[in-house]
Amino acid sequence: MAGLLYGDDPEPSDPFPAGPLYVPVRPGPFGCAARLFRTPLGDRTAVGFTSVRRLTVTLGPGQPWIRLAAPALHALTAPLGVTTLTVDPQFTAPATRPTPAPAPAYAA
């Protein structure tokens, strides 16, 4: 039996590593970049979903994604200081919309 590599070692509460995930991405000047999110406490986290259906239900049908294994996603986000991976989040807040600037006041 092959042992788990250091990066593949699951947390004690996890029965197995998350494995290949559907990772939301955004277009960038050099290809696509993994989207990072915030936890309820405000910390940055990488996010992965175990199915396209779960990703679509949470982020909408227009959300682009790529397939990455959990260790690859960790390696991608670690240089950015992101050490948390959230799998299958079920709640997201709506995207913020820019508020229009108030009309300038003119003296008559």
PDB file of N, CA and C in Angstrom:
ATOM      1  N   MET A   1       0.845  -1.171   0.000  1.00  0.00           N
ATOM      2  CA  MET A   1       0.000   0.000   0.000  1.00  0.00           C
ATOM      3  C   MET A   1       0.894   1.238   0.000  1.00  0.00           C
ATOM      4  N   ALA A   2       0.638   2.147  -0.895  1.00  0.00           N
ATOM      5  CA  ALA A   2       1.416   3.376  -0.985  1.00  0.00           C
ATOM      6  C   ALA A   2       0.970   4.348   0.092  1.00  0.00           C
ATOM      7  N   GLY A   3       1.929   4.963   0.751  1.00  0.00           N
ATOM      8  CA  GLY A   3       1.603   5.952   1.777  1.00  0.00           C
ATOM      9  C   GLY A   3       1.211   7.271   1.142  1.00  0.00           C
ATOM     10  N   LEU A   4       0.530   8.097   1.904  1.00  0.00           N
ATOM     11  CA  LEU A   4       0.142   9.406   1.408  1.00  0.00           C
ATOM     12  C   LEU A   4       1.343  10.339   1.417  1.00  0.00           C
ATOM     13  N   LEU A   5       1.448  11.170   0.403  1.00  0.00           N
ATOM     14  CA  LEU A   5       2.481  12.183   0.377  1.00  0.00           C
ATOM     15  C   LEU A   5       2.116  13.275   1.365  1.00  0.00           C
ATOM     16  N   TYR A   6       3.090  14.075   1.785  1.00  0.00           N
ATOM     17  CA  TYR A   6       2.847  15.125   2.776  1.00  0.00           C
ATOM     18  C   TYR A   6       1.681  16.018   2.374  1.00  0.00           C
ATOM     19  N   GLY A   7       1.644  16.486   1.113  1.00  0.00           N
ATOM     20  CA  GLY A   7       0.583  17.375   0.657  1.00  0.00           C
ATOM     21  C   GLY A   7      -0.760  16.690   0.503  1.00  0.00           C
ATOM     22  N   ASP A   8      -0.777  15.357   0.479  1.00  0.00           N
ATOM     23  CA  ASP A   8      -2.028  14.621   0.301  1.00  0.00           C
ATOM     24  C   ASP A   8      -2.612  14.136   1.615  1.00  0.00           C
ATOM     25  N   ASP A   9      -1.940  14.391   2.726  1.00  0.00           N
ATOM     26  CA  ASP A   9      -2.384  13.886   4.017  1.00  0.00           C
ATOM     27  C   ASP A   9      -3.653  14.600   4.447  1.00  0.00           C
ATOM     28  N   PRO A  10      -4.763  13.887   4.641  1.00  0.00           N
ATOM     29  CA  PRO A  10      -6.015  14.549   5.020  1.00  0.00           C
ATOM     30  C   PRO A  10      -5.978  15.005   6.469  1.00  0.00           C
ATOM     31  N   GLU A  11      -6.829  15.951   6.802  1.00  0.00           N
ATOM     32  CA  GLU A  11      -7.010  16.362   8.186  1.00  0.00           C
ATOM     33  C   GLU A  11      -7.616  15.188   8.942  1.00  0.00           C
ATOM     34  N   PRO A  12      -7.402  15.106  10.252  1.00  0.00           N
ATOM     35  CA  PRO A  12      -7.951  13.975  11.014  1.00  0.00           C
ATOM     36  C   PRO A  12      -9.464  13.833  10.882  1.00  0.00           C
ATOM     37  N   SER A  13     -10.181  14.946  10.712  1.00  0.00           N
ATOM     38  CA  SER A  13     -11.639  14.852  10.596  1.00  0.00           C
ATOM     39  C   SER A  13     -12.085  14.493   9.186  1.00  0.00           C
ATOM     40  N   ASP A  14     -11.179  14.583   8.203  1.00  0.00           N
ATOM     41  CA  ASP A  14     -11.526  14.251   6.823  1.00  0.00           C
ATOM     42  C   ASP A  14     -11.282  12.771   6.578  1.00  0.00           C
ATOM     43  N   PRO A  15     -12.289  12.058   6.029  1.00  0.00           N
ATOM     44  CA  PRO A  15     -12.081  10.647   5.765  1.00  0.00           C
ATOM     45  C   PRO A  15     -11.105  10.394   4.613  1.00  0.00           C
ATOM     46  N   PHE A  16     -10.946  11.376   3.706  1.00  0.00           N
ATOM     47  CA  PHE A  16     -10.046  11.241   2.564  1.00  0.00           C
ATOM     48  C   PHE A  16      -9.795  12.630   1.996  1.00  0.00           C
ATOM     49  N   PRO A  17      -8.743  12.812   1.216  1.00  0.00           N
ATOM     50  CA  PRO A  17      -8.513  14.120   0.599  1.00  0.00           C
ATOM     51  C   PRO A  17      -9.660  14.489  -0.338  1.00  0.00           C
ATOM     52  N   ALA A  18      -9.837  15.771  -0.552  1.00  0.00           N
ATOM     53  CA  ALA A  18     -10.945  16.240  -1.380  1.00  0.00           C
ATOM     54  C   ALA A  18     -10.836  15.739  -2.815  1.00  0.00           C
ATOM     55  N   GLY A  19      -9.640  15.505  -3.323  1.00  0.00           N
ATOM     56  CA  GLY A  19      -9.465  14.996  -4.678  1.00  0.00           C
ATOM     57  C   GLY A  19      -9.701  16.062  -5.724  1.00  0.00           C
ATOM     58  N   PRO A  20      -9.947  15.653  -6.971  1.00  0.00           N
ATOM     59  CA  PRO A  20     -10.172  16.633  -8.036  1.00  0.00           C
ATOM     60  C   PRO A  20     -11.405  17.477  -7.730  1.00  0.00           C
ATOM     61  N   LEU A  21     -11.242  18.781  -7.852  1.00  0.00           N
ATOM     62  CA  LEU A  21     -12.326  19.701  -7.540  1.00  0.00           C
ATOM     63  C   LEU A  21     -12.654  20.563  -8.752  1.00  0.00           C
ATOM     64  N   TYR A  22     -13.838  21.115  -8.757  1.00  0.00           N
ATOM     65  CA  TYR A  22     -14.244  22.105  -9.744  1.00  0.00           C
ATOM     66  C   TYR A  22     -13.979  23.459  -9.096  1.00  0.00           C
ATOM     67  N   VAL A  23     -12.984  24.174  -9.609  1.00  0.00           N
ATOM     68  CA  VAL A  23     -12.514  25.404  -8.989  1.00  0.00           C
ATOM     69  C   VAL A  23     -12.989  26.605  -9.811  1.00  0.00           C
ATOM     70  N   PRO A  24     -13.718  27.535  -9.187  1.00  0.00           N
ATOM     71  CA  PRO A  24     -14.153  28.728  -9.922  1.00  0.00           C
ATOM     72  C   PRO A  24     -12.957  29.593 -10.306  1.00  0.00           C
ATOM     73  N   VAL A  25     -12.984  30.103 -11.527  1.00  0.00           N
ATOM     74  CA  VAL A  25     -11.902  30.935 -12.036  1.00  0.00           C
ATOM     75  C   VAL A  25     -12.472  32.212 -12.643  1.00  0.00           C
ATOM     76  N   ARG A  26     -11.573  33.153 -12.869  1.00  0.00           N
ATOM     77  CA  ARG A  26     -11.938  34.385 -13.566  1.00  0.00           C
ATOM     78  C   ARG A  26     -10.904  34.596 -14.665  1.00  0.00           C
ATOM     79  N   PRO A  27     -11.320  35.221 -15.764  1.00  0.00           N
ATOM     80  CA  PRO A  27     -10.361  35.464 -16.848  1.00  0.00           C
ATOM     81  C   PRO A  27      -9.341  36.512 -16.419  1.00  0.00           C
ATOM     82  N   GLY A  28      -8.127  36.336 -16.882  1.00  0.00           N
ATOM     83  CA  GLY A  28      -7.062  37.287 -16.587  1.00  0.00           C
ATOM     84  C   GLY A  28      -6.245  37.548 -17.831  1.00  0.00           C
ATOM     85  N   PRO A  29      -5.286  38.435 -17.758  1.00  0.00           N
ATOM     86  CA  PRO A  29      -4.497  38.776 -18.948  1.00  0.00           C
ATOM     87  C   PRO A  29      -3.625  37.625 -19.452  1.00  0.00           C
ATOM     88  N   PHE A  30      -3.313  36.653 -18.576  1.00  0.00           N
ATOM     89  CA  PHE A  30      -2.459  35.535 -18.977  1.00  0.00           C
ATOM     90  C   PHE A  30      -3.180  34.204 -18.899  1.00  0.00           C
ATOM     91  N   GLY A  31      -4.486  34.191 -19.034  1.00  0.00           N
ATOM     92  CA  GLY A  31      -5.281  32.968 -18.911  1.00  0.00           C
ATOM     93  C   GLY A  31      -6.297  33.131 -17.804  1.00  0.00           C
ATOM     94  N   CYS A  32      -6.561  32.051 -17.105  1.00  0.00           N
ATOM     95  CA  CYS A  32      -7.538  32.140 -16.016  1.00  0.00           C
ATOM     96  C   CYS A  32      -6.829  32.081 -14.669  1.00  0.00           C
ATOM     97  N   ALA A  33      -7.479  32.661 -13.661  1.00  0.00           N
ATOM     98  CA  ALA A  33      -6.940  32.682 -12.303  1.00  0.00           C
ATOM     99  C   ALA A  33      -8.006  32.159 -11.356  1.00  0.00           C
ATOM    100  N   ALA A  34      -7.586  31.399 -10.362  1.00  0.00           N
ATOM    101  CA  ALA A  34      -8.531  30.880  -9.374  1.00  0.00           C
ATOM    102  C   ALA A  34      -9.143  32.040  -8.600  1.00  0.00           C
ATOM    103  N   ARG A  35     -10.455  32.001  -8.434  1.00  0.00           N
ATOM    104  CA  ARG A  35     -11.127  33.014  -7.618  1.00  0.00           C
ATOM    105  C   ARG A  35     -10.896  32.696  -6.151  1.00  0.00           C
ATOM    106  N   LEU A  36     -10.615  33.717  -5.382  1.00  0.00           N
ATOM    107  CA  LEU A  36     -10.474  33.566  -3.944  1.00  0.00           C
ATOM    108  C   LEU A  36     -11.682  34.208  -3.280  1.00  0.00           C
ATOM    109  N   PHE A  37     -12.094  33.647  -2.179  1.00  0.00           N
ATOM    110  CA  PHE A  37     -13.271  34.120  -1.467  1.00  0.00           C
ATOM    111  C   PHE A  37     -12.885  34.461  -0.037  1.00  0.00           C
ATOM    112  N   ARG A  38     -13.841  34.924   0.740  1.00  0.00           N
ATOM    113  CA  ARG A  38     -13.623  35.238   2.152  1.00  0.00           C
ATOM    114  C   ARG A  38     -14.517  34.338   3.005  1.00  0.00           C
ATOM    115  N   THR A  39     -13.960  33.924   4.138  1.00  0.00           N
ATOM    116  CA  THR A  39     -14.743  33.165   5.109  1.00  0.00           C
ATOM    117  C   THR A  39     -15.645  34.147   5.854  1.00  0.00           C
ATOM    118  N   PRO A  40     -16.613  33.647   6.637  1.00  0.00           N
ATOM    119  CA  PRO A  40     -17.450  34.563   7.420  1.00  0.00           C
ATOM    120  C   PRO A  40     -16.639  35.461   8.365  1.00  0.00           C
ATOM    121  N   LEU A  41     -15.447  35.030   8.750  1.00  0.00           N
ATOM    122  CA  LEU A  41     -14.602  35.847   9.621  1.00  0.00           C
ATOM    123  C   LEU A  41     -13.690  36.795   8.846  1.00  0.00           C
ATOM    124  N   GLY A  42     -13.745  36.742   7.515  1.00  0.00           N
ATOM    125  CA  GLY A  42     -12.983  37.666   6.690  1.00  0.00           C
ATOM    126  C   GLY A  42     -11.659  37.153   6.169  1.00  0.00           C
ATOM    127  N   ASP A  43     -11.279  35.921   6.513  1.00  0.00           N
ATOM    128  CA  ASP A  43     -10.024  35.357   6.005  1.00  0.00           C
ATOM    129  C   ASP A  43     -10.201  34.922   4.557  1.00  0.00           C
ATOM    130  N   ARG A  44      -9.128  35.033   3.771  1.00  0.00           N
ATOM    131  CA  ARG A  44      -9.202  34.572   2.382  1.00  0.00           C
ATOM    132  C   ARG A  44      -9.134  33.054   2.338  1.00  0.00           C
ATOM    133  N   THR A  45      -9.881  32.476   1.400  1.00  0.00           N
ATOM    134  CA  THR A  45      -9.900  31.028   1.238  1.00  0.00           C
ATOM    135  C   THR A  45     -10.030  30.674  -0.237  1.00  0.00           C
ATOM    136  N   ALA A  46      -9.393  29.580  -0.620  1.00  0.00           N
ATOM    137  CA  ALA A  46      -9.623  29.003  -1.944  1.00  0.00           C
ATOM    138  C   ALA A  46     -10.903  28.177  -1.827  1.00  0.00           C
ATOM    139  N   VAL A  47     -11.604  28.017  -2.929  1.00  0.00           N
ATOM    140  CA  VAL A  47     -12.876  27.282  -2.913  1.00  0.00           C
ATOM    141  C   VAL A  47     -12.860  26.251  -4.021  1.00  0.00           C
ATOM    142  N   GLY A  48     -13.354  25.060  -3.704  1.00  0.00           N
ATOM    143  CA  GLY A  48     -13.512  24.000  -4.687  1.00  0.00           C
ATOM    144  C   GLY A  48     -14.833  23.296  -4.458  1.00  0.00           C
ATOM    145  N   PHE A  49     -15.394  22.767  -5.510  1.00  0.00           N
ATOM    146  CA  PHE A  49     -16.668  22.052  -5.435  1.00  0.00           C
ATOM    147  C   PHE A  49     -16.468  20.619  -5.911  1.00  0.00           C
ATOM    148  N   THR A  50     -17.214  19.696  -5.336  1.00  0.00           N
ATOM    149  CA  THR A  50     -17.087  18.289  -5.703  1.00  0.00           C
ATOM    150  C   THR A  50     -17.909  17.930  -6.942  1.00  0.00           C
ATOM    151  N   SER A  51     -18.742  18.857  -7.421  1.00  0.00           N
ATOM    152  CA  SER A  51     -19.501  18.602  -8.651  1.00  0.00           C
ATOM    153  C   SER A  51     -19.830  19.925  -9.333  1.00  0.00           C
ATOM    154  N   VAL A  52     -20.054  19.862 -10.629  1.00  0.00           N
ATOM    155  CA  VAL A  52     -20.452  21.050 -11.383  1.00  0.00           C
ATOM    156  C   VAL A  52     -21.801  21.542 -10.874  1.00  0.00           C
ATOM    157  N   ARG A  53     -22.681  20.622 -10.522  1.00  0.00           N
ATOM    158  CA  ARG A  53     -23.996  20.999 -10.020  1.00  0.00           C
ATOM    159  C   ARG A  53     -23.891  21.852  -8.770  1.00  0.00           C
ATOM    160  N   ARG A  54     -23.032  21.461  -7.840  1.00  0.00           N
ATOM    161  CA  ARG A  54     -22.872  22.244  -6.607  1.00  0.00           C
ATOM    162  C   ARG A  54     -22.286  23.623  -6.899  1.00  0.00           C
ATOM    163  N   LEU A  55     -21.333  23.687  -7.817  1.00  0.00           N
ATOM    164  CA  LEU A  55     -20.761  24.971  -8.205  1.00  0.00           C
ATOM    165  C   LEU A  55     -21.830  25.862  -8.821  1.00  0.00           C
ATOM    166  N   THR A  56     -22.631  25.315  -9.725  1.00  0.00           N
ATOM    167  CA  THR A  56     -23.663  26.082 -10.416  1.00  0.00           C
ATOM    168  C   THR A  56     -24.748  26.564  -9.464  1.00  0.00           C
ATOM    169  N   VAL A  57     -25.156  25.727  -8.532  1.00  0.00           N
ATOM    170  CA  VAL A  57     -26.179  26.124  -7.565  1.00  0.00           C
ATOM    171  C   VAL A  57     -25.683  27.288  -6.710  1.00  0.00           C
ATOM    172  N   THR A  58     -24.415  27.266  -6.349  1.00  0.00           N
ATOM    173  CA  THR A  58     -23.868  28.288  -5.460  1.00  0.00           C
ATOM    174  C   THR A  58     -23.466  29.562  -6.187  1.00  0.00           C
ATOM    175  N   LEU A  59     -22.810  29.437  -7.356  1.00  0.00           N
ATOM    176  CA  LEU A  59     -22.249  30.611  -8.031  1.00  0.00           C
ATOM    177  C   LEU A  59     -22.945  30.986  -9.336  1.00  0.00           C
ATOM    178  N   GLY A  60     -23.878  30.167  -9.788  1.00  0.00           N
ATOM    179  CA  GLY A  60     -24.609  30.484 -11.014  1.00  0.00           C
ATOM    180  C   GLY A  60     -24.068  29.752 -12.221  1.00  0.00           C
ATOM    181  N   PRO A  61     -24.900  29.632 -13.260  1.00  0.00           N
ATOM    182  CA  PRO A  61     -24.517  28.840 -14.434  1.00  0.00           C
ATOM    183  C   PRO A  61     -23.424  29.479 -15.281  1.00  0.00           C
ATOM    184  N   GLY A  62     -23.183  30.764 -15.153  1.00  0.00           N
ATOM    185  CA  GLY A  62     -22.176  31.424 -15.980  1.00  0.00           C
ATOM    186  C   GLY A  62     -20.781  31.425 -15.387  1.00  0.00           C
ATOM    187  N   GLN A  63     -20.595  30.783 -14.239  1.00  0.00           N
ATOM    188  CA  GLN A  63     -19.293  30.800 -13.578  1.00  0.00           C
ATOM    189  C   GLN A  63     -18.327  29.842 -14.267  1.00  0.00           C
ATOM    190  N   PRO A  64     -17.227  30.348 -14.844  1.00  0.00           N
ATOM    191  CA  PRO A  64     -16.237  29.440 -15.437  1.00  0.00           C
ATOM    192  C   PRO A  64     -15.489  28.677 -14.347  1.00  0.00           C
ATOM    193  N   TRP A  65     -14.987  27.493 -14.687  1.00  0.00           N
ATOM    194  CA  TRP A  65     -14.283  26.659 -13.710  1.00  0.00           C
ATOM    195  C   TRP A  65     -13.221  25.824 -14.410  1.00  0.00           C
ATOM    196  N   ILE A  66     -12.304  25.308 -13.603  1.00  0.00           N
ATOM    197  CA  ILE A  66     -11.312  24.346 -14.072  1.00  0.00           C
ATOM    198  C   ILE A  66     -11.266  23.201 -13.064  1.00  0.00           C
ATOM    199  N   ARG A  67     -10.691  22.077 -13.462  1.00  0.00           N
ATOM    200  CA  ARG A  67     -10.523  20.937 -12.552  1.00  0.00           C
ATOM    201  C   ARG A  67      -9.115  20.967 -11.984  1.00  0.00           C
ATOM    202  N   LEU A  68      -9.014  20.917 -10.660  1.00  0.00           N
ATOM    203  CA  LEU A  68      -7.728  20.854  -9.984  1.00  0.00           C
ATOM    204  C   LEU A  68      -7.827  19.916  -8.797  1.00  0.00           C
ATOM    205  N   ALA A  69      -6.759  19.194  -8.524  1.00  0.00           N
ATOM    206  CA  ALA A  69      -6.702  18.391  -7.300  1.00  0.00           C
ATOM    207  C   ALA A  69      -6.455  19.354  -6.135  1.00  0.00           C
ATOM    208  N   ALA A  70      -6.890  18.956  -4.954  1.00  0.00           N
ATOM    209  CA  ALA A  70      -6.741  19.804  -3.761  1.00  0.00           C
ATOM    210  C   ALA A  70      -5.283  20.196  -3.517  1.00  0.00           C
ATOM    211  N   PRO A  71      -4.306  19.267  -3.626  1.00  0.00           N
ATOM    212  CA  PRO A  71      -2.912  19.685  -3.415  1.00  0.00           C
ATOM    213  C   PRO A  71      -2.448  20.728  -4.436  1.00  0.00           C
ATOM    214  N   ALA A  72      -2.919  20.630  -5.675  1.00  0.00           N
ATOM    215  CA  ALA A  72      -2.549  21.610  -6.698  1.00  0.00           C
ATOM    216  C   ALA A  72      -3.146  22.976  -6.372  1.00  0.00           C
ATOM    217  N   LEU A  73      -4.384  22.997  -5.888  1.00  0.00           N
ATOM    218  CA  LEU A  73      -5.015  24.257  -5.510  1.00  0.00           C
ATOM    219  C   LEU A  73      -4.296  24.887  -4.320  1.00  0.00           C
ATOM    220  N   HIS A  74      -3.904  24.072  -3.355  1.00  0.00           N
ATOM    221  CA  HIS A  74      -3.118  24.567  -2.220  1.00  0.00           C
ATOM    222  C   HIS A  74      -1.795  25.164  -2.716  1.00  0.00           C
ATOM    223  N   ALA A  75      -1.108  24.467  -3.609  1.00  0.00           N
ATOM    224  CA  ALA A  75       0.174  24.947  -4.133  1.00  0.00           C
ATOM    225  C   ALA A  75       0.001  26.249  -4.917  1.00  0.00           C
ATOM    226  N   LEU A  76      -1.119  26.397  -5.588  1.00  0.00           N
ATOM    227  CA  LEU A  76      -1.396  27.596  -6.374  1.00  0.00           C
ATOM    228  C   LEU A  76      -1.662  28.807  -5.494  1.00  0.00           C
ATOM    229  N   THR A  77      -2.344  28.605  -4.381  1.00  0.00           N
ATOM    230  CA  THR A  77      -2.752  29.731  -3.541  1.00  0.00           C
ATOM    231  C   THR A  77      -1.819  30.010  -2.362  1.00  0.00           C
ATOM    232  N   ALA A  78      -0.968  29.074  -1.996  1.00  0.00           N
ATOM    233  CA  ALA A  78      -0.065  29.263  -0.856  1.00  0.00           C
ATOM    234  C   ALA A  78       0.862  30.476  -1.030  1.00  0.00           C
ATOM    235  N   PRO A  79       1.440  30.729  -2.219  1.00  0.00           N
ATOM    236  CA  PRO A  79       2.297  31.910  -2.360  1.00  0.00           C
ATOM    237  C   PRO A  79       1.550  33.227  -2.125  1.00  0.00           C
ATOM    238  N   LEU A  80       0.231  33.186  -2.199  1.00  0.00           N
ATOM    239  CA  LEU A  80      -0.574  34.381  -1.956  1.00  0.00           C
ATOM    240  C   LEU A  80      -0.956  34.513  -0.485  1.00  0.00           C
ATOM    241  N   GLY A  81      -0.503  33.568   0.336  1.00  0.00           N
ATOM    242  CA  GLY A  81      -0.828  33.594   1.755  1.00  0.00           C
ATOM    243  C   GLY A  81      -2.162  32.950   2.087  1.00  0.00           C
ATOM    244  N   VAL A  82      -2.754  32.272   1.125  1.00  0.00           N
ATOM    245  CA  VAL A  82      -4.046  31.612   1.331  1.00  0.00           C
ATOM    246  C   VAL A  82      -3.775  30.156   1.676  1.00  0.00           C
ATOM    247  N   THR A  83      -4.072  29.771   2.893  1.00  0.00           N
ATOM    248  CA  THR A  83      -3.785  28.408   3.346  1.00  0.00           C
ATOM    249  C   THR A  83      -5.042  27.596   3.601  1.00  0.00           C
ATOM    250  N   THR A  84      -6.206  28.209   3.466  1.00  0.00           N
ATOM    251  CA  THR A  84      -7.466  27.521   3.741  1.00  0.00           C
ATOM    252  C   THR A  84      -8.136  27.129   2.430  1.00  0.00           C
ATOM    253  N   LEU A  85      -8.693  25.933   2.403  1.00  0.00           N
ATOM    254  CA  LEU A  85      -9.480  25.459   1.269  1.00  0.00           C
ATOM    255  C   LEU A  85     -10.871  25.114   1.780  1.00  0.00           C
ATOM    256  N   THR A  86     -11.874  25.756   1.214  1.00  0.00           N
ATOM    257  CA  THR A  86     -13.262  25.479   1.565  1.00  0.00           C
ATOM    258  C   THR A  86     -13.864  24.633   0.455  1.00  0.00           C
ATOM    259  N   VAL A  87     -14.383  23.472   0.815  1.00  0.00           N
ATOM    260  CA  VAL A  87     -14.982  22.563  -0.160  1.00  0.00           C
ATOM    261  C   VAL A  87     -16.494  22.615  -0.022  1.00  0.00           C
ATOM    262  N   ASP A  88     -17.171  22.800  -1.154  1.00  0.00           N
ATOM    263  CA  ASP A  88     -18.631  22.837  -1.235  1.00  0.00           C
ATOM    264  C   ASP A  88     -19.282  23.841  -0.288  1.00  0.00           C
ATOM    265  N   PRO A  89     -18.884  25.121  -0.363  1.00  0.00           N
ATOM    266  CA  PRO A  89     -19.608  26.097   0.444  1.00  0.00           C
ATOM    267  C   PRO A  89     -21.040  26.192  -0.065  1.00  0.00           C
ATOM    268  N   GLN A  90     -21.970  26.446   0.831  1.00  0.00           N
ATOM    269  CA  GLN A  90     -23.380  26.463   0.428  1.00  0.00           C
ATOM    270  C   GLN A  90     -23.981  27.849   0.420  1.00  0.00           C
ATOM    271  N   PHE A  91     -23.283  28.820   0.984  1.00  0.00           N
ATOM    272  CA  PHE A  91     -23.835  30.160   1.041  1.00  0.00           C
ATOM    273  C   PHE A  91     -22.844  31.140   0.465  1.00  0.00           C
ATOM    274  N   THR A  92     -23.340  32.021  -0.380  1.00  0.00           N
ATOM    275  CA  THR A  92     -22.527  33.134  -0.842  1.00  0.00           C
ATOM    276  C   THR A  92     -23.400  34.378  -0.804  1.00  0.00           C
ATOM    277  N   ALA A  93     -22.814  35.480  -0.503  1.00  0.00           N
ATOM    278  CA  ALA A  93     -23.536  36.749  -0.525  1.00  0.00           C
ATOM    279  C   ALA A  93     -23.587  37.246  -1.962  1.00  0.00           C
ATOM    280  N   PRO A  94     -24.623  37.995  -2.309  1.00  0.00           N
ATOM    281  CA  PRO A  94     -24.678  38.525  -3.668  1.00  0.00           C
ATOM    282  C   PRO A  94     -23.501  39.456  -3.938  1.00  0.00           C
ATOM    283  N   ALA A  95     -23.109  39.523  -5.184  1.00  0.00           N
ATOM    284  CA  ALA A  95     -22.012  40.411  -5.568  1.00  0.00           C
ATOM    285  C   ALA A  95     -22.385  41.851  -5.261  1.00  0.00           C
ATOM    286  N   THR A  96     -21.405  42.593  -4.811  1.00  0.00           N
ATOM    287  CA  THR A  96     -21.672  44.004  -4.538  1.00  0.00           C
ATOM    288  C   THR A  96     -21.781  44.754  -5.845  1.00  0.00           C
ATOM    289  N   ARG A  97     -22.598  45.747  -5.837  1.00  0.00           N
ATOM    290  CA  ARG A  97     -22.762  46.571  -7.036  1.00  0.00           C
ATOM    291  C   ARG A  97     -22.216  47.955  -6.728  1.00  0.00           C
ATOM    292  N   PRO A  98     -21.529  48.548  -7.678  1.00  0.00           N
ATOM    293  CA  PRO A  98     -21.043  49.900  -7.404  1.00  0.00           C
ATOM    294  C   PRO A  98     -22.219  50.858  -7.222  1.00  0.00           C
ATOM    295  N   THR A  99     -22.107  51.710  -6.253  1.00  0.00           N
ATOM    296  CA  THR A  99     -23.158  52.709  -6.018  1.00  0.00           C
ATOM    297  C   THR A  99     -22.874  53.907  -6.895  1.00  0.00           C
ATOM    298  N   PRO A 100     -23.891  54.413  -7.581  1.00  0.00           N
ATOM    299  CA  PRO A 100     -23.632  55.578  -8.429  1.00  0.00           C
ATOM    300  C   PRO A 100     -23.213  56.772  -7.570  1.00  0.00           C
ATOM    301  N   ALA A 101     -22.324  57.560  -8.108  1.00  0.00           N
ATOM    302  CA  ALA A 101     -21.867  58.755  -7.396  1.00  0.00           C
ATOM    303  C   ALA A 101     -23.018  59.755  -7.305  1.00  0.00           C
ATOM    304  N   PRO A 102     -23.107  60.477  -6.187  1.00  0.00           N
ATOM    305  CA  PRO A 102     -24.187  61.460  -6.084  1.00  0.00           C
ATOM    306  C   PRO A 102     -23.985  62.577  -7.113  1.00  0.00           C
ATOM    307  N   ALA A 103     -25.102  63.107  -7.565  1.00  0.00           N
ATOM    308  CA  ALA A 103     -25.044  64.201  -8.537  1.00  0.00           C
ATOM    309  C   ALA A 103     -24.398  65.421  -7.890  1.00  0.00           C
ATOM    310  N   PRO A 104     -23.531  66.083  -8.622  1.00  0.00           N
ATOM    311  CA  PRO A 104     -22.901  67.276  -8.031  1.00  0.00           C
ATOM    312  C   PRO A 104     -23.928  68.373  -7.757  1.00  0.00           C
ATOM    313  N   ALA A 105     -23.749  69.083  -6.661  1.00  0.00           N
ATOM    314  CA  ALA A 105     -24.654  70.170  -6.305  1.00  0.00           C
ATOM    315  C   ALA A 105     -24.134  71.447  -6.956  1.00  0.00           C
ATOM    316  N   TYR A 106     -24.996  72.137  -7.633  1.00  0.00           N
ATOM    317  CA  TYR A 106     -24.634  73.397  -8.286  1.00  0.00           C
ATOM    318  C   TYR A 106     -25.322  74.547  -7.581  1.00  0.00           C
ATOM    319  N   ALA A 107     -24.581  75.563  -7.335  1.00  0.00           N
ATOM    320  CA  ALA A 107     -25.175  76.766  -6.732  1.00  0.00           C
ATOM    321  C   ALA A 107     -25.798  77.599  -7.839  1.00  0.00           C
ATOM    322  N   ALA A 108     -26.982  78.095  -7.602  1.00  0.00           N
ATOM    323  CA  ALA A 108     -27.673  78.871  -8.632  1.00  0.00           C
ATOM    324  C   ALA A 108     -27.450  80.341  -8.462  1.00  0.00           C
TER     325      ALA A 108
END
